[in-house]
Amino acid sequence: ENVMEEGLRLDADKAEQITEVLKTENNCIWVGKVQKLNLRSYAIGILPKLRMHEENVMEWLVLDADKTEDVAEILKTENNSIWVGKVKRLELYGYTVGILPKLRIHEDNVLDVLELYADRSGDVAEILKTENNSIWVGKVKRLVLDGYAVY
């Protein structure tokens, strides 16, 4: 059983850096239990490809995208289709705020901190299209909304 205690961090500033990974099936890259996951720029596109353990408990999940192209692959997926398990701290920056509906979080989840940072109105365009009460994150102890995330 794979347990990544130190975590997984991927940053791709060019689309061609992840082209081959994007050709694979969703949920085909077994990462097991991941305590920390940090994906930035184009690397965010591989999130649907990762398969996490059904009992995954993540200490920290950070997604950061400055361009719409960074999240284009994820926006093509169904809502609640990307399993991340339980998450204690979730930080979404820029255009990744819009992919929150795509994440499937454990039904018994308790978030210590949920942080949404949106510098541009476009950062929240996708999330504003979702139906009210359709996004599940569990109980939230501390909520931080910055910039356009307040909408």
C-alpha atoms as a PDB file:
ATOM      1  CA  GLU A   1       0.000   0.000   0.000  1.00  0.00           C
ATOM      2  CA  ASN A   2       1.416   3.344  -1.068  1.00  0.00           C
ATOM      3  CA  VAL A   3       1.458   6.187   1.477  1.00  0.00           C
ATOM      4  CA  MET A   4       3.037   9.492   0.422  1.00  0.00           C
ATOM      5  CA  GLU A   5       3.806  11.106   3.747  1.00  0.00           C
ATOM      6  CA  GLU A   6       5.943  13.880   2.288  1.00  0.00           C
ATOM      7  CA  GLY A   7       3.361  14.549  -0.381  1.00  0.00           C
ATOM      8  CA  LEU A   8       3.245  15.121  -4.099  1.00  0.00           C
ATOM      9  CA  ARG A   9       3.999  18.464  -5.748  1.00  0.00           C
ATOM     10  CA  LEU A  10       3.777  19.012  -9.492  1.00  0.00           C
ATOM     11  CA  ASP A  11       4.182  22.251 -11.400  1.00  0.00           C
ATOM     12  CA  ALA A  12       4.001  22.452 -15.193  1.00  0.00           C
ATOM     13  CA  ASP A  13       4.213  25.846 -16.857  1.00  0.00           C
ATOM     14  CA  LYS A  14       3.804  24.452 -20.386  1.00  0.00           C
ATOM     15  CA  ALA A  15       1.003  22.259 -21.735  1.00  0.00           C
ATOM     16  CA  GLU A  16       3.458  19.972 -23.544  1.00  0.00           C
ATOM     17  CA  GLN A  17       4.939  18.954 -20.189  1.00  0.00           C
ATOM     18  CA  ILE A  18       1.808  16.927 -19.393  1.00  0.00           C
ATOM     19  CA  THR A  19       0.559  15.989 -22.882  1.00  0.00           C
ATOM     20  CA  GLU A  20       1.304  12.266 -22.526  1.00  0.00           C
ATOM     21  CA  VAL A  21      -0.308  12.043 -19.086  1.00  0.00           C
ATOM     22  CA  LEU A  22      -3.490  13.673 -20.388  1.00  0.00           C
ATOM     23  CA  LYS A  23      -3.827  10.881 -22.955  1.00  0.00           C
ATOM     24  CA  THR A  24      -4.292   8.296 -20.193  1.00  0.00           C
ATOM     25  CA  GLU A  25      -7.626   7.190 -18.729  1.00  0.00           C
ATOM     26  CA  ASN A  26      -9.004   8.969 -15.678  1.00  0.00           C
ATOM     27  CA  ASN A  27      -8.188   7.286 -12.354  1.00  0.00           C
ATOM     28  CA  CYS A  28      -5.374   5.223 -13.882  1.00  0.00           C
ATOM     29  CA  ILE A  29      -2.375   6.601 -11.980  1.00  0.00           C
ATOM     30  CA  TRP A  30      -2.360   4.960  -8.551  1.00  0.00           C
ATOM     31  CA  VAL A  31      -0.994   7.291  -5.885  1.00  0.00           C
ATOM     32  CA  GLY A  32      -2.593   5.562  -2.889  1.00  0.00           C
ATOM     33  CA  LYS A  33      -2.773   7.648   0.253  1.00  0.00           C
ATOM     34  CA  VAL A  34      -1.467  11.175  -0.209  1.00  0.00           C
ATOM     35  CA  GLN A  35      -1.060  13.425   2.806  1.00  0.00           C
ATOM     36  CA  LYS A  36      -0.129  16.565   0.867  1.00  0.00           C
ATOM     37  CA  LEU A  37      -0.996  17.322  -2.743  1.00  0.00           C
ATOM     38  CA  ASN A  38       0.098  20.533  -4.442  1.00  0.00           C
ATOM     39  CA  LEU A  39      -0.646  21.006  -8.154  1.00  0.00           C
ATOM     40  CA  ARG A  40       0.134  24.205 -10.025  1.00  0.00           C
ATOM     41  CA  SER A  41      -0.491  25.570 -13.516  1.00  0.00           C
ATOM     42  CA  TYR A  42      -0.967  22.917 -16.228  1.00  0.00           C
ATOM     43  CA  ALA A  43      -0.181  20.130 -13.721  1.00  0.00           C
ATOM     44  CA  ILE A  44      -3.708  20.597 -12.360  1.00  0.00           C
ATOM     45  CA  GLY A  45      -4.954  18.839 -15.494  1.00  0.00           C
ATOM     46  CA  ILE A  46      -3.643  15.514 -14.232  1.00  0.00           C
ATOM     47  CA  LEU A  47      -5.839  15.543 -11.123  1.00  0.00           C
ATOM     48  CA  PRO A  48      -8.580  13.406 -12.752  1.00  0.00           C
ATOM     49  CA  LYS A  49      -5.888  10.887 -13.772  1.00  0.00           C
ATOM     50  CA  LEU A  50      -4.799  10.284 -10.178  1.00  0.00           C
ATOM     51  CA  ARG A  51      -6.427   7.457  -8.238  1.00  0.00           C
ATOM     52  CA  MET A  52      -6.347   7.827  -4.497  1.00  0.00           C
ATOM     53  CA  HIS A  53      -7.115   5.258  -1.854  1.00  0.00           C
ATOM     54  CA  GLU A  54     -10.808   5.202  -0.909  1.00  0.00           C
ATOM     55  CA  GLU A  55      -9.808   5.918   2.704  1.00  0.00           C
ATOM     56  CA  ASN A  56      -7.468   8.766   1.784  1.00  0.00           C
ATOM     57  CA  VAL A  57      -7.063  11.490   4.417  1.00  0.00           C
ATOM     58  CA  MET A  58      -5.245  14.508   3.058  1.00  0.00           C
ATOM     59  CA  GLU A  59      -3.694  16.990   5.442  1.00  0.00           C
ATOM     60  CA  TRP A  60      -3.356  19.614   2.756  1.00  0.00           C
ATOM     61  CA  LEU A  61      -4.636  20.040  -0.814  1.00  0.00           C
ATOM     62  CA  VAL A  62      -3.464  23.101  -2.766  1.00  0.00           C
ATOM     63  CA  LEU A  63      -4.452  23.862  -6.360  1.00  0.00           C
ATOM     64  CA  ASP A  64      -3.242  27.038  -8.071  1.00  0.00           C
ATOM     65  CA  ALA A  65      -3.981  28.266 -11.615  1.00  0.00           C
ATOM     66  CA  ASP A  66      -3.442  31.674 -13.191  1.00  0.00           C
ATOM     67  CA  LYS A  67      -4.883  30.825 -16.611  1.00  0.00           C
ATOM     68  CA  THR A  68      -8.130  29.239 -17.809  1.00  0.00           C
ATOM     69  CA  GLU A  69      -6.058  26.787 -19.870  1.00  0.00           C
ATOM     70  CA  ASP A  70      -4.648  25.397 -16.615  1.00  0.00           C
ATOM     71  CA  VAL A  71      -8.067  24.031 -15.621  1.00  0.00           C
ATOM     72  CA  ALA A  72      -9.484  23.293 -19.087  1.00  0.00           C
ATOM     73  CA  GLU A  73      -9.141  19.488 -18.774  1.00  0.00           C
ATOM     74  CA  ILE A  74     -10.819  19.368 -15.369  1.00  0.00           C
ATOM     75  CA  LEU A  75     -13.723  21.535 -16.491  1.00  0.00           C
ATOM     76  CA  LYS A  76     -14.570  18.789 -19.004  1.00  0.00           C
ATOM     77  CA  THR A  77     -15.158  16.276 -16.193  1.00  0.00           C
ATOM     78  CA  GLU A  78     -18.439  15.607 -14.393  1.00  0.00           C
ATOM     79  CA  ASN A  79     -19.185  17.306 -11.083  1.00  0.00           C
ATOM     80  CA  ASN A  80     -18.191  15.205  -8.059  1.00  0.00           C
ATOM     81  CA  SER A  81     -16.061  12.935 -10.253  1.00  0.00           C
ATOM     82  CA  ILE A  82     -12.587  13.540  -8.808  1.00  0.00           C
ATOM     83  CA  TRP A  83     -12.179  11.569  -5.573  1.00  0.00           C
ATOM     84  CA  VAL A  84      -9.909  13.209  -3.009  1.00  0.00           C
ATOM     85  CA  GLY A  85     -11.269  11.559   0.152  1.00  0.00           C
ATOM     86  CA  LYS A  86     -11.105  13.428   3.428  1.00  0.00           C
ATOM     87  CA  VAL A  87      -9.291  16.756   3.362  1.00  0.00           C
ATOM     88  CA  LYS A  88      -8.251  18.771   6.409  1.00  0.00           C
ATOM     89  CA  ARG A  89      -7.027  21.900   4.612  1.00  0.00           C
ATOM     90  CA  LEU A  90      -8.163  22.908   1.117  1.00  0.00           C
ATOM     91  CA  GLU A  91      -6.656  25.924  -0.651  1.00  0.00           C
ATOM     92  CA  LEU A  92      -7.838  26.920  -4.125  1.00  0.00           C
ATOM     93  CA  TYR A  93      -6.186  29.814  -5.939  1.00  0.00           C
ATOM     94  CA  GLY A  94      -7.219  31.604  -9.117  1.00  0.00           C
ATOM     95  CA  TYR A  95      -9.117  29.565 -11.684  1.00  0.00           C
ATOM     96  CA  THR A  96      -9.057  26.452  -9.484  1.00  0.00           C
ATOM     97  CA  VAL A  97     -11.877  27.985  -7.421  1.00  0.00           C
ATOM     98  CA  GLY A  98     -14.080  27.035 -10.375  1.00  0.00           C
ATOM     99  CA  ILE A  99     -13.220  23.338 -10.148  1.00  0.00           C
ATOM    100  CA  LEU A 100     -14.481  22.925  -6.584  1.00  0.00           C
ATOM    101  CA  PRO A 101     -17.716  21.287  -7.881  1.00  0.00           C
ATOM    102  CA  LYS A 102     -15.602  18.626  -9.639  1.00  0.00           C
ATOM    103  CA  LEU A 103     -14.029  17.415  -6.388  1.00  0.00           C
ATOM    104  CA  ARG A 104     -15.661  14.519  -4.547  1.00  0.00           C
ATOM    105  CA  ILE A 105     -14.968  14.815  -0.862  1.00  0.00           C
ATOM    106  CA  HIS A 106     -15.782  12.151   1.740  1.00  0.00           C
ATOM    107  CA  GLU A 107     -19.292  12.451   3.223  1.00  0.00           C
ATOM    108  CA  ASP A 108     -17.900  12.603   6.792  1.00  0.00           C
ATOM    109  CA  ASN A 109     -15.304  15.254   5.971  1.00  0.00           C
ATOM    110  CA  VAL A 110     -14.342  17.969   8.453  1.00  0.00           C
ATOM    111  CA  LEU A 111     -12.262  20.777   6.956  1.00  0.00           C
ATOM    112  CA  ASP A 112     -10.099  22.637   9.436  1.00  0.00           C
ATOM    113  CA  VAL A 113      -9.593  25.364   6.825  1.00  0.00           C
ATOM    114  CA  LEU A 114     -11.188  26.123   3.454  1.00  0.00           C
ATOM    115  CA  GLU A 115      -9.441  28.965   1.612  1.00  0.00           C
ATOM    116  CA  LEU A 116     -10.644  30.329  -1.726  1.00  0.00           C
ATOM    117  CA  TYR A 117      -8.580  33.063  -3.380  1.00  0.00           C
ATOM    118  CA  ALA A 118      -9.886  34.732  -6.541  1.00  0.00           C
ATOM    119  CA  ASP A 119      -8.155  37.815  -7.954  1.00  0.00           C
ATOM    120  CA  ARG A 120     -10.309  38.089 -11.093  1.00  0.00           C
ATOM    121  CA  SER A 121     -14.026  37.745 -11.774  1.00  0.00           C
ATOM    122  CA  GLY A 122     -13.137  34.994 -14.268  1.00  0.00           C
ATOM    123  CA  ASP A 123     -11.721  32.928 -11.403  1.00  0.00           C
ATOM    124  CA  VAL A 124     -15.249  32.365 -10.070  1.00  0.00           C
ATOM    125  CA  ALA A 125     -17.161  32.187 -13.380  1.00  0.00           C
ATOM    126  CA  GLU A 126     -17.447  28.374 -13.371  1.00  0.00           C
ATOM    127  CA  ILE A 127     -18.475  27.998  -9.752  1.00  0.00           C
ATOM    128  CA  LEU A 128     -21.219  30.614 -10.207  1.00  0.00           C
ATOM    129  CA  LYS A 129     -22.810  28.344 -12.841  1.00  0.00           C
ATOM    130  CA  THR A 130     -23.417  25.553 -10.325  1.00  0.00           C
ATOM    131  CA  GLU A 131     -26.723  24.916  -8.630  1.00  0.00           C
ATOM    132  CA  ASN A 132     -27.072  26.113  -5.032  1.00  0.00           C
ATOM    133  CA  ASN A 133     -26.259  23.473  -2.397  1.00  0.00           C
ATOM    134  CA  SER A 134     -24.650  21.178  -4.990  1.00  0.00           C
ATOM    135  CA  ILE A 135     -21.078  21.423  -3.677  1.00  0.00           C
ATOM    136  CA  TRP A 136     -20.158  19.210  -0.719  1.00  0.00           C
ATOM    137  CA  VAL A 137     -17.052  19.911   1.353  1.00  0.00           C
ATOM    138  CA  GLY A 138     -18.294  18.682   4.742  1.00  0.00           C
ATOM    139  CA  LYS A 139     -18.118  20.647   7.972  1.00  0.00           C
ATOM    140  CA  VAL A 140     -15.864  23.699   7.819  1.00  0.00           C
ATOM    141  CA  LYS A 141     -14.164  25.044  10.947  1.00  0.00           C
ATOM    142  CA  ARG A 142     -12.553  28.089   9.306  1.00  0.00           C
ATOM    143  CA  LEU A 143     -13.517  29.710   6.002  1.00  0.00           C
ATOM    144  CA  VAL A 144     -11.326  32.258   4.205  1.00  0.00           C
ATOM    145  CA  LEU A 145     -12.732  33.987   1.111  1.00  0.00           C
ATOM    146  CA  ASP A 146     -10.508  36.480  -0.668  1.00  0.00           C
ATOM    147  CA  GLY A 147     -11.243  38.868  -3.533  1.00  0.00           C
ATOM    148  CA  TYR A 148     -13.914  37.676  -5.958  1.00  0.00           C
ATOM    149  CA  ALA A 149     -14.373  34.462  -3.955  1.00  0.00           C
ATOM    150  CA  VAL A 150     -16.668  36.489  -1.701  1.00  0.00           C
ATOM    151  CA  TYR A 151     -19.320  36.547  -4.473  1.00  0.00           C
END
